[in-house]
N, C-alpha and C. Protein backbone atom coordinates (compact mmCIF):
# COMPACT_ATOMS: atom_id res chain seq x y z
N ARG A 1 101.60 121.09 63.00
CA ARG A 1 102.74 121.40 62.15
C ARG A 1 102.37 121.33 60.69
N ALA A 2 101.39 120.52 60.36
CA ALA A 2 101.00 120.36 58.97
C ALA A 2 99.98 121.41 58.56
N GLY A 3 99.57 122.27 59.49
CA GLY A 3 98.62 123.31 59.17
C GLY A 3 97.17 122.85 59.18
N LEU A 4 96.90 121.67 59.73
CA LEU A 4 95.53 121.16 59.80
C LEU A 4 94.85 121.67 61.05
N ALA A 5 93.62 122.05 60.92
CA ALA A 5 92.84 122.50 62.07
C ALA A 5 92.13 121.29 62.67
N ILE A 6 92.47 120.96 63.91
CA ILE A 6 91.83 119.84 64.60
C ILE A 6 91.11 120.41 65.81
N ALA A 7 89.84 120.07 65.94
CA ALA A 7 89.02 120.60 67.02
C ALA A 7 89.59 120.22 68.38
N GLN A 8 89.49 121.15 69.33
CA GLN A 8 89.99 120.91 70.68
C GLN A 8 89.30 119.70 71.30
N SER A 9 88.02 119.51 71.01
CA SER A 9 87.29 118.36 71.55
C SER A 9 87.86 117.05 71.00
N THR A 10 88.27 117.05 69.74
CA THR A 10 88.88 115.86 69.15
C THR A 10 90.21 115.55 69.80
N LEU A 11 91.04 116.58 70.00
CA LEU A 11 92.32 116.39 70.66
C LEU A 11 92.13 115.87 72.08
N GLY A 12 91.14 116.39 72.79
CA GLY A 12 90.83 115.93 74.14
C GLY A 12 90.40 114.47 74.15
N ALA A 13 89.57 114.09 73.18
CA ALA A 13 89.12 112.69 73.08
C ALA A 13 90.29 111.77 72.80
N TRP A 14 91.20 112.19 71.93
CA TRP A 14 92.39 111.38 71.64
C TRP A 14 93.25 111.21 72.88
N GLY A 15 93.44 112.29 73.62
CA GLY A 15 94.23 112.22 74.85
C GLY A 15 93.59 111.29 75.87
N GLY A 16 92.28 111.38 76.01
CA GLY A 16 91.56 110.50 76.93
C GLY A 16 91.66 109.04 76.53
N ALA A 17 91.54 108.77 75.24
CA ALA A 17 91.65 107.39 74.75
C ALA A 17 93.05 106.83 75.00
N CYS A 18 94.07 107.64 74.82
CA CYS A 18 95.44 107.20 75.10
C CYS A 18 95.59 106.89 76.58
N GLY A 19 95.03 107.73 77.43
CA GLY A 19 95.12 107.52 78.87
C GLY A 19 94.48 106.20 79.29
N VAL A 20 93.34 105.89 78.73
CA VAL A 20 92.65 104.64 79.06
C VAL A 20 93.48 103.45 78.61
N ARG A 21 94.04 103.52 77.42
CA ARG A 21 94.82 102.39 76.90
C ARG A 21 96.15 102.21 77.63
N LEU A 22 96.71 103.29 78.18
CA LEU A 22 97.99 103.20 78.88
C LEU A 22 97.82 102.88 80.37
N HIS A 23 96.60 102.84 80.86
CA HIS A 23 96.35 102.62 82.28
C HIS A 23 96.98 101.34 82.81
N PRO A 24 96.92 100.20 82.12
CA PRO A 24 97.58 98.99 82.64
C PRO A 24 99.10 99.18 82.80
N LEU A 25 99.71 99.92 81.90
CA LEU A 25 101.15 100.19 82.01
C LEU A 25 101.44 101.07 83.22
N VAL A 26 100.61 102.06 83.45
CA VAL A 26 100.76 102.95 84.62
C VAL A 26 100.60 102.15 85.91
N ASP A 27 99.62 101.26 85.95
CA ASP A 27 99.42 100.43 87.14
C ASP A 27 100.63 99.55 87.42
N ALA A 28 101.21 98.96 86.37
CA ALA A 28 102.39 98.11 86.54
C ALA A 28 103.58 98.93 87.04
N LEU A 29 103.77 100.13 86.49
CA LEU A 29 104.86 101.00 86.93
C LEU A 29 104.66 101.39 88.39
N ARG A 30 103.44 101.70 88.76
CA ARG A 30 103.13 102.08 90.15
C ARG A 30 103.51 100.96 91.11
N GLU A 31 103.14 99.73 90.77
CA GLU A 31 103.48 98.58 91.62
C GLU A 31 104.99 98.44 91.79
N GLU A 32 105.73 98.60 90.71
CA GLU A 32 107.19 98.48 90.77
C GLU A 32 107.81 99.59 91.61
N VAL A 33 107.35 100.81 91.43
CA VAL A 33 107.90 101.93 92.19
C VAL A 33 107.61 101.78 93.68
N LEU A 34 106.39 101.38 94.02
CA LEU A 34 106.02 101.28 95.43
C LEU A 34 106.69 100.11 96.14
N GLN A 35 107.33 99.21 95.41
CA GLN A 35 108.07 98.10 96.02
C GLN A 35 109.51 98.48 96.35
N GLN A 36 109.94 99.67 95.99
CA GLN A 36 111.31 100.11 96.29
C GLN A 36 111.48 100.28 97.79
N ALA A 37 112.69 100.02 98.27
CA ALA A 37 112.97 100.13 99.70
C ALA A 37 112.88 101.57 100.20
N VAL A 38 113.30 102.52 99.35
CA VAL A 38 113.28 103.94 99.71
C VAL A 38 112.65 104.73 98.58
N LEU A 39 111.77 105.66 98.94
CA LEU A 39 111.14 106.54 97.96
C LEU A 39 111.26 107.99 98.43
N HIS A 40 111.34 108.90 97.49
CA HIS A 40 111.19 110.32 97.79
C HIS A 40 109.72 110.64 97.55
N ALA A 41 109.14 111.46 98.40
CA ALA A 41 107.73 111.82 98.25
C ALA A 41 107.56 113.33 98.40
N ASP A 42 106.63 113.88 97.64
CA ASP A 42 106.32 115.30 97.74
C ASP A 42 104.82 115.46 97.59
N GLU A 43 104.24 116.27 98.45
CA GLU A 43 102.80 116.53 98.41
C GLU A 43 102.60 118.01 98.11
N THR A 44 101.87 118.30 97.05
CA THR A 44 101.62 119.68 96.66
C THR A 44 100.13 119.97 96.71
N PRO A 45 99.71 120.99 97.47
CA PRO A 45 98.30 121.35 97.48
C PRO A 45 97.90 122.03 96.17
N VAL A 46 96.71 121.68 95.69
CA VAL A 46 96.17 122.28 94.47
C VAL A 46 94.71 122.64 94.73
N GLN A 47 94.21 123.59 93.98
CA GLN A 47 92.81 123.95 94.09
C GLN A 47 91.99 123.09 93.13
N MET A 48 90.91 122.51 93.65
CA MET A 48 90.04 121.65 92.85
C MET A 48 88.65 122.28 92.82
N LEU A 49 88.12 122.41 91.64
CA LEU A 49 86.78 122.97 91.48
C LEU A 49 85.75 121.91 91.82
N ALA A 50 84.90 122.21 92.79
CA ALA A 50 83.84 121.28 93.18
C ALA A 50 82.76 121.28 92.11
N PRO A 51 82.45 120.12 91.52
CA PRO A 51 81.45 120.06 90.45
C PRO A 51 80.09 120.61 90.89
N GLY A 52 79.55 121.50 90.10
CA GLY A 52 78.23 122.04 90.34
C GLY A 52 78.13 123.12 91.41
N LYS A 53 79.21 123.37 92.16
CA LYS A 53 79.15 124.35 93.24
C LYS A 53 79.81 125.67 92.88
N GLY A 54 80.70 125.65 91.90
CA GLY A 54 81.39 126.87 91.51
C GLY A 54 82.43 127.33 92.51
N LYS A 55 82.76 126.48 93.49
CA LYS A 55 83.76 126.81 94.50
C LYS A 55 84.92 125.83 94.40
N THR A 56 86.06 126.28 94.89
CA THR A 56 87.21 125.38 94.93
C THR A 56 87.49 124.95 96.35
N HIS A 57 88.12 123.79 96.46
CA HIS A 57 88.62 123.35 97.76
C HIS A 57 90.01 122.75 97.55
N ARG A 58 90.72 122.55 98.64
CA ARG A 58 92.10 122.08 98.57
C ARG A 58 92.13 120.58 98.35
N ALA A 59 92.89 120.17 97.35
CA ALA A 59 93.17 118.77 97.07
C ALA A 59 94.69 118.63 97.02
N TYR A 60 95.19 117.43 96.80
CA TYR A 60 96.63 117.21 96.88
C TYR A 60 97.14 116.35 95.73
N LEU A 61 98.25 116.75 95.18
CA LEU A 61 98.94 116.00 94.14
C LEU A 61 100.25 115.53 94.75
N SER A 62 100.44 114.22 94.82
CA SER A 62 101.65 113.65 95.41
C SER A 62 102.51 113.04 94.33
N ALA A 63 103.82 113.18 94.48
CA ALA A 63 104.79 112.57 93.57
C ALA A 63 105.64 111.61 94.39
N TYR A 64 105.85 110.41 93.86
CA TYR A 64 106.70 109.41 94.49
C TYR A 64 107.80 109.06 93.49
N SER A 65 109.04 109.19 93.93
CA SER A 65 110.18 108.99 93.03
C SER A 65 111.17 107.99 93.63
N THR A 66 111.78 107.20 92.77
CA THR A 66 112.86 106.34 93.22
C THR A 66 114.07 107.21 93.52
N THR A 67 115.05 106.67 94.22
CA THR A 67 116.23 107.45 94.59
C THR A 67 117.28 107.41 93.48
N GLN A 68 118.28 108.25 93.61
CA GLN A 68 119.35 108.28 92.62
C GLN A 68 120.17 107.00 92.63
N PHE A 69 120.09 106.22 93.70
CA PHE A 69 120.86 104.98 93.83
C PHE A 69 120.10 103.76 93.32
N SER A 70 118.85 103.94 92.98
CA SER A 70 118.03 102.84 92.49
C SER A 70 118.34 102.55 91.02
N ASP A 71 118.27 101.28 90.64
CA ASP A 71 118.44 100.91 89.24
C ASP A 71 117.27 101.43 88.40
N MET A 72 116.12 101.52 89.01
CA MET A 72 114.93 102.01 88.31
C MET A 72 114.81 103.52 88.51
N LYS A 73 114.64 104.25 87.45
CA LYS A 73 114.42 105.69 87.51
C LYS A 73 112.98 105.95 87.09
N ALA A 74 112.15 106.32 88.04
CA ALA A 74 110.74 106.53 87.73
C ALA A 74 110.10 107.46 88.75
N VAL A 75 109.03 108.11 88.31
CA VAL A 75 108.20 108.96 89.16
C VAL A 75 106.75 108.61 88.88
N ILE A 76 105.97 108.48 89.94
CA ILE A 76 104.53 108.28 89.76
C ILE A 76 103.81 109.41 90.50
N TYR A 77 102.64 109.75 90.03
CA TYR A 77 101.85 110.82 90.62
C TYR A 77 100.52 110.26 91.09
N ASP A 78 100.02 110.85 92.18
CA ASP A 78 98.76 110.41 92.75
C ASP A 78 97.96 111.64 93.16
N PHE A 79 96.68 111.64 92.84
CA PHE A 79 95.80 112.75 93.19
C PHE A 79 94.87 112.29 94.30
N ALA A 80 94.70 113.14 95.32
CA ALA A 80 93.78 112.83 96.42
C ALA A 80 93.00 114.09 96.79
N GLU A 81 91.76 113.90 97.16
CA GLU A 81 90.91 115.04 97.52
C GLU A 81 91.09 115.47 98.97
N SER A 82 91.87 114.69 99.75
CA SER A 82 92.11 115.05 101.15
C SER A 82 93.50 114.57 101.55
N ARG A 83 93.89 114.87 102.81
CA ARG A 83 95.18 114.42 103.34
C ARG A 83 95.02 113.19 104.21
N ALA A 84 93.92 112.50 104.10
CA ALA A 84 93.66 111.32 104.92
C ALA A 84 94.78 110.29 104.73
N GLY A 85 95.13 109.60 105.80
CA GLY A 85 96.21 108.63 105.77
C GLY A 85 96.00 107.51 104.78
N GLU A 86 94.76 107.19 104.47
CA GLU A 86 94.49 106.11 103.51
C GLU A 86 95.12 106.39 102.15
N HIS A 87 95.27 107.65 101.79
CA HIS A 87 95.85 107.99 100.49
C HIS A 87 97.36 107.70 100.47
N ALA A 88 98.04 108.01 101.55
CA ALA A 88 99.48 107.74 101.61
C ALA A 88 99.75 106.23 101.70
N ARG A 89 98.88 105.51 102.35
CA ARG A 89 99.08 104.06 102.43
C ARG A 89 98.97 103.45 101.06
């Protein structure tokens, strides 16, 4: 907005640094959400590029949400490379 040119690599580094610093907060939110008696869940298949192979394979992005009746309103997301049961647990 100020008309400053900021390199895409710099913006990416800033975003990554924010993600690392917010990770403890995300972990705490995840623990609280997963302790709810009832959750809504959605699994969406996404294409993931296999490093070094130039091919994609199917991975999954899951969303877990509290219900409309819960005092806590939150959604957490989880990425998994397969549909193995260990990921849902």
